């Protein structure tokens, strides 16, 4: 079964998509890695940025193999630099 999810986008990811959110259809019990794969297919303009991004669920960074909680807010965090 699939569910529609909204992923908040920041910085370069937001600029690439032209929006502060991305809507994707995810399988139940998707892993963080699967979410990134779905994003790459549905928003190809993110494909160059995704390898260095982290997926966040409920304000916690997820390991690639971690399951994405069904009710958690999702965000894609690109690398941040500064000084």
N, C-alpha and C. Protein backbone atom coordinates (compact mmCIF):
# COMPACT_ATOMS: atom_id res chain seq x y z
N UNK A 1 0.83 -1.18 0.00
CA UNK A 1 0.00 0.00 0.00
C UNK A 1 0.88 1.25 0.00
N UNK A 2 0.46 2.26 -0.72
CA UNK A 2 1.20 3.51 -0.85
C UNK A 2 0.50 4.61 -0.05
N UNK A 3 1.28 5.59 0.39
CA UNK A 3 0.70 6.75 1.05
C UNK A 3 1.37 8.01 0.51
N UNK A 4 0.59 9.05 0.36
CA UNK A 4 1.10 10.34 -0.08
C UNK A 4 1.74 11.04 1.12
N UNK A 5 2.94 11.53 0.92
CA UNK A 5 3.66 12.22 2.00
C UNK A 5 4.20 13.54 1.47
N UNK A 6 4.31 14.50 2.34
CA UNK A 6 4.92 15.78 2.03
C UNK A 6 6.27 15.83 2.71
N UNK A 7 7.28 16.25 1.95
CA UNK A 7 8.63 16.37 2.49
C UNK A 7 9.02 17.84 2.40
N UNK A 8 9.39 18.42 3.52
CA UNK A 8 9.83 19.81 3.54
C UNK A 8 11.24 19.90 2.95
N UNK A 9 11.47 20.93 2.16
CA UNK A 9 12.75 21.14 1.49
C UNK A 9 13.39 22.43 1.97
N UNK A 10 14.71 22.42 2.04
CA UNK A 10 15.46 23.58 2.51
C UNK A 10 16.62 23.88 1.57
N UNK A 11 17.06 25.12 1.58
CA UNK A 11 18.26 25.59 0.88
C UNK A 11 18.28 25.15 -0.59
N UNK A 12 19.35 24.49 -1.01
CA UNK A 12 19.51 24.10 -2.41
C UNK A 12 18.43 23.16 -2.91
N UNK A 13 17.90 22.32 -2.05
CA UNK A 13 16.82 21.41 -2.46
C UNK A 13 15.56 22.21 -2.78
N UNK A 14 15.25 23.20 -1.97
CA UNK A 14 14.09 24.05 -2.21
C UNK A 14 14.28 24.82 -3.52
N UNK A 15 15.49 25.34 -3.74
CA UNK A 15 15.77 26.08 -4.97
C UNK A 15 15.66 25.19 -6.20
N UNK A 16 16.15 23.96 -6.11
CA UNK A 16 16.11 23.04 -7.25
C UNK A 16 14.69 22.68 -7.65
N UNK A 17 13.82 22.48 -6.67
CA UNK A 17 12.44 22.08 -6.95
C UNK A 17 11.55 23.30 -7.22
N UNK A 18 11.94 24.46 -6.68
CA UNK A 18 11.13 25.65 -6.85
C UNK A 18 9.96 25.72 -5.89
N UNK A 19 10.07 24.98 -4.80
CA UNK A 19 9.01 24.92 -3.79
C UNK A 19 9.64 24.53 -2.47
N UNK A 20 8.95 24.83 -1.36
CA UNK A 20 9.48 24.43 -0.07
C UNK A 20 8.98 23.06 0.37
N UNK A 21 8.21 22.39 -0.50
CA UNK A 21 7.77 21.02 -0.22
C UNK A 21 7.78 20.18 -1.50
N UNK A 22 7.85 18.88 -1.31
CA UNK A 22 7.73 17.91 -2.40
C UNK A 22 6.73 16.85 -1.96
N UNK A 23 5.81 16.48 -2.83
CA UNK A 23 4.83 15.43 -2.55
C UNK A 23 5.31 14.16 -3.24
N UNK A 24 5.31 13.06 -2.49
CA UNK A 24 5.72 11.76 -3.04
C UNK A 24 4.77 10.68 -2.54
N UNK A 25 4.69 9.61 -3.29
CA UNK A 25 3.92 8.43 -2.89
C UNK A 25 4.91 7.38 -2.42
N UNK A 26 4.80 6.99 -1.15
CA UNK A 26 5.76 6.06 -0.55
C UNK A 26 5.09 4.76 -0.16
N UNK A 27 5.83 3.65 -0.28
CA UNK A 27 5.30 2.38 0.22
C UNK A 27 5.25 2.40 1.74
N UNK A 28 4.35 1.62 2.30
CA UNK A 28 4.31 1.48 3.76
C UNK A 28 5.65 0.96 4.25
N UNK A 29 6.06 1.41 5.40
CA UNK A 29 7.31 0.98 6.03
C UNK A 29 8.52 1.26 5.15
N UNK A 30 8.49 2.37 4.40
CA UNK A 30 9.62 2.75 3.56
C UNK A 30 10.82 3.09 4.43
N UNK A 31 12.01 2.83 3.92
CA UNK A 31 13.23 3.25 4.59
C UNK A 31 13.62 4.64 4.11
N UNK A 32 14.52 5.27 4.83
CA UNK A 32 15.01 6.58 4.42
C UNK A 32 15.63 6.50 3.03
N UNK A 33 16.37 5.44 2.75
CA UNK A 33 16.99 5.26 1.43
C UNK A 33 15.91 5.16 0.34
N UNK A 34 14.83 4.46 0.61
CA UNK A 34 13.74 4.35 -0.37
C UNK A 34 13.09 5.70 -0.61
N UNK A 35 12.95 6.51 0.42
CA UNK A 35 12.40 7.85 0.26
C UNK A 35 13.29 8.67 -0.68
N UNK A 36 14.59 8.60 -0.49
CA UNK A 36 15.51 9.33 -1.35
C UNK A 36 15.44 8.83 -2.79
N UNK A 37 15.25 7.54 -2.99
CA UNK A 37 15.11 6.99 -4.33
C UNK A 37 13.84 7.49 -5.01
N UNK A 38 12.74 7.52 -4.26
CA UNK A 38 11.48 8.03 -4.79
C UNK A 38 11.63 9.51 -5.15
N UNK A 39 12.28 10.27 -4.29
CA UNK A 39 12.52 11.69 -4.58
C UNK A 39 13.33 11.87 -5.85
N UNK A 40 14.35 11.05 -6.04
CA UNK A 40 15.18 11.15 -7.24
C UNK A 40 14.37 10.87 -8.51
N UNK A 41 13.44 9.92 -8.42
CA UNK A 41 12.61 9.61 -9.59
C UNK A 41 11.56 10.68 -9.84
N UNK A 42 10.94 11.18 -8.79
CA UNK A 42 9.84 12.13 -8.96
C UNK A 42 10.33 13.58 -9.14
N UNK A 43 11.53 13.86 -8.69
CA UNK A 43 12.11 15.21 -8.82
C UNK A 43 13.56 15.07 -9.29
N UNK A 44 13.75 14.75 -10.57
CA UNK A 44 15.11 14.49 -11.08
C UNK A 44 16.08 15.65 -10.88
N UNK A 45 15.56 16.86 -10.73
CA UNK A 45 16.45 18.00 -10.49
C UNK A 45 17.17 17.89 -9.15
N UNK A 46 16.73 17.00 -8.27
CA UNK A 46 17.40 16.78 -6.97
C UNK A 46 18.48 15.70 -7.03
N UNK A 47 18.55 14.94 -8.10
CA UNK A 47 19.41 13.76 -8.13
C UNK A 47 20.87 14.06 -7.83
N UNK A 48 21.41 15.18 -8.27
CA UNK A 48 22.80 15.51 -7.98
C UNK A 48 23.03 15.92 -6.54
N UNK A 49 22.00 16.40 -5.89
CA UNK A 49 22.11 16.88 -4.51
C UNK A 49 21.83 15.79 -3.48
N UNK A 50 21.00 14.81 -3.84
CA UNK A 50 20.55 13.81 -2.88
C UNK A 50 21.65 12.99 -2.19
N UNK A 51 22.74 12.62 -2.89
CA UNK A 51 23.75 11.83 -2.19
C UNK A 51 24.34 12.51 -0.95
N UNK A 52 24.28 13.83 -0.88
CA UNK A 52 24.84 14.51 0.28
C UNK A 52 23.76 15.02 1.24
N UNK A 53 22.50 14.70 0.98
CA UNK A 53 21.40 15.14 1.85
C UNK A 53 21.09 14.10 2.92
N UNK A 54 20.43 14.55 3.97
CA UNK A 54 19.95 13.65 5.03
C UNK A 54 18.44 13.80 5.14
N UNK A 55 17.79 12.69 5.41
CA UNK A 55 16.35 12.71 5.64
C UNK A 55 16.10 12.80 7.14
N UNK A 56 15.18 13.66 7.50
CA UNK A 56 14.82 13.87 8.90
C UNK A 56 13.36 13.49 9.07
N UNK A 57 13.07 12.76 10.13
CA UNK A 57 11.69 12.41 10.49
C UNK A 57 11.48 12.79 11.94
N UNK A 58 10.44 13.56 12.21
CA UNK A 58 10.15 14.01 13.58
C UNK A 58 11.37 14.66 14.21
N UNK A 59 12.08 15.47 13.43
CA UNK A 59 13.24 16.24 13.88
C UNK A 59 14.44 15.39 14.29
N UNK A 60 14.53 14.17 13.76
CA UNK A 60 15.69 13.31 14.02
C UNK A 60 16.24 12.80 12.69
N UNK A 61 17.57 12.87 12.53
CA UNK A 61 18.20 12.35 11.33
C UNK A 61 18.01 10.83 11.28
N UNK A 62 17.72 10.33 10.07
CA UNK A 62 17.53 8.89 9.90
C UNK A 62 18.73 8.27 9.19
N UNK A 63 19.14 7.09 9.64
CA UNK A 63 20.11 6.30 8.89
C UNK A 63 19.41 5.79 7.64
N UNK A 64 20.16 5.51 6.57
CA UNK A 64 19.52 5.06 5.33
C UNK A 64 18.61 3.84 5.49
N UNK A 65 18.96 2.91 6.38
CA UNK A 65 18.16 1.69 6.55
C UNK A 65 16.99 1.86 7.52
N UNK A 66 16.90 3.02 8.17
CA UNK A 66 15.84 3.24 9.16
C UNK A 66 14.47 3.36 8.49
N UNK A 67 13.47 2.77 9.11
CA UNK A 67 12.09 2.90 8.64
C UNK A 67 11.58 4.30 8.94
N UNK A 68 10.80 4.84 8.01
CA UNK A 68 10.23 6.17 8.18
C UNK A 68 8.90 6.03 8.91
N UNK A 69 8.76 6.66 10.06
CA UNK A 69 7.50 6.57 10.80
C UNK A 69 6.33 7.11 9.97
N UNK A 70 5.21 6.43 10.04
CA UNK A 70 4.06 6.77 9.20
C UNK A 70 3.51 8.16 9.45
N UNK A 71 3.58 8.65 10.66
CA UNK A 71 2.95 9.93 10.97
C UNK A 71 3.94 11.07 11.21
N UNK A 72 5.21 10.83 10.98
CA UNK A 72 6.23 11.84 11.26
C UNK A 72 6.33 12.87 10.14
N UNK A 73 6.60 14.12 10.53
CA UNK A 73 6.90 15.14 9.54
C UNK A 73 8.27 14.82 8.95
N UNK A 74 8.39 14.93 7.62
CA UNK A 74 9.64 14.62 6.93
C UNK A 74 10.27 15.89 6.37
N UNK A 75 11.60 15.90 6.38
CA UNK A 75 12.34 17.03 5.81
C UNK A 75 13.61 16.50 5.16
N UNK A 76 14.01 17.16 4.10
CA UNK A 76 15.27 16.84 3.41
C UNK A 76 16.24 17.96 3.74
N UNK A 77 17.36 17.59 4.36
CA UNK A 77 18.35 18.57 4.78
C UNK A 77 19.60 18.43 3.91
N UNK A 78 19.87 19.44 3.08
CA UNK A 78 21.09 19.41 2.27
C UNK A 78 22.30 19.78 3.13
N UNK A 79 23.49 19.58 2.60
CA UNK A 79 24.69 19.95 3.37
C UNK A 79 24.69 21.45 3.63
N UNK A 80 25.21 21.82 4.78
CA UNK A 80 25.27 23.22 5.18
C UNK A 80 26.71 23.59 5.39
N UNK A 81 27.08 24.74 4.88
CA UNK A 81 28.44 25.22 5.11
C UNK A 81 28.37 26.64 5.62
N UNK A 82 29.39 27.05 6.21
CA UNK A 82 29.43 28.42 6.74
C UNK A 82 30.55 28.55 7.74
N UNK A 83 30.62 29.68 8.31
CA UNK A 83 31.72 29.84 9.23
C UNK A 83 31.55 30.90 10.24
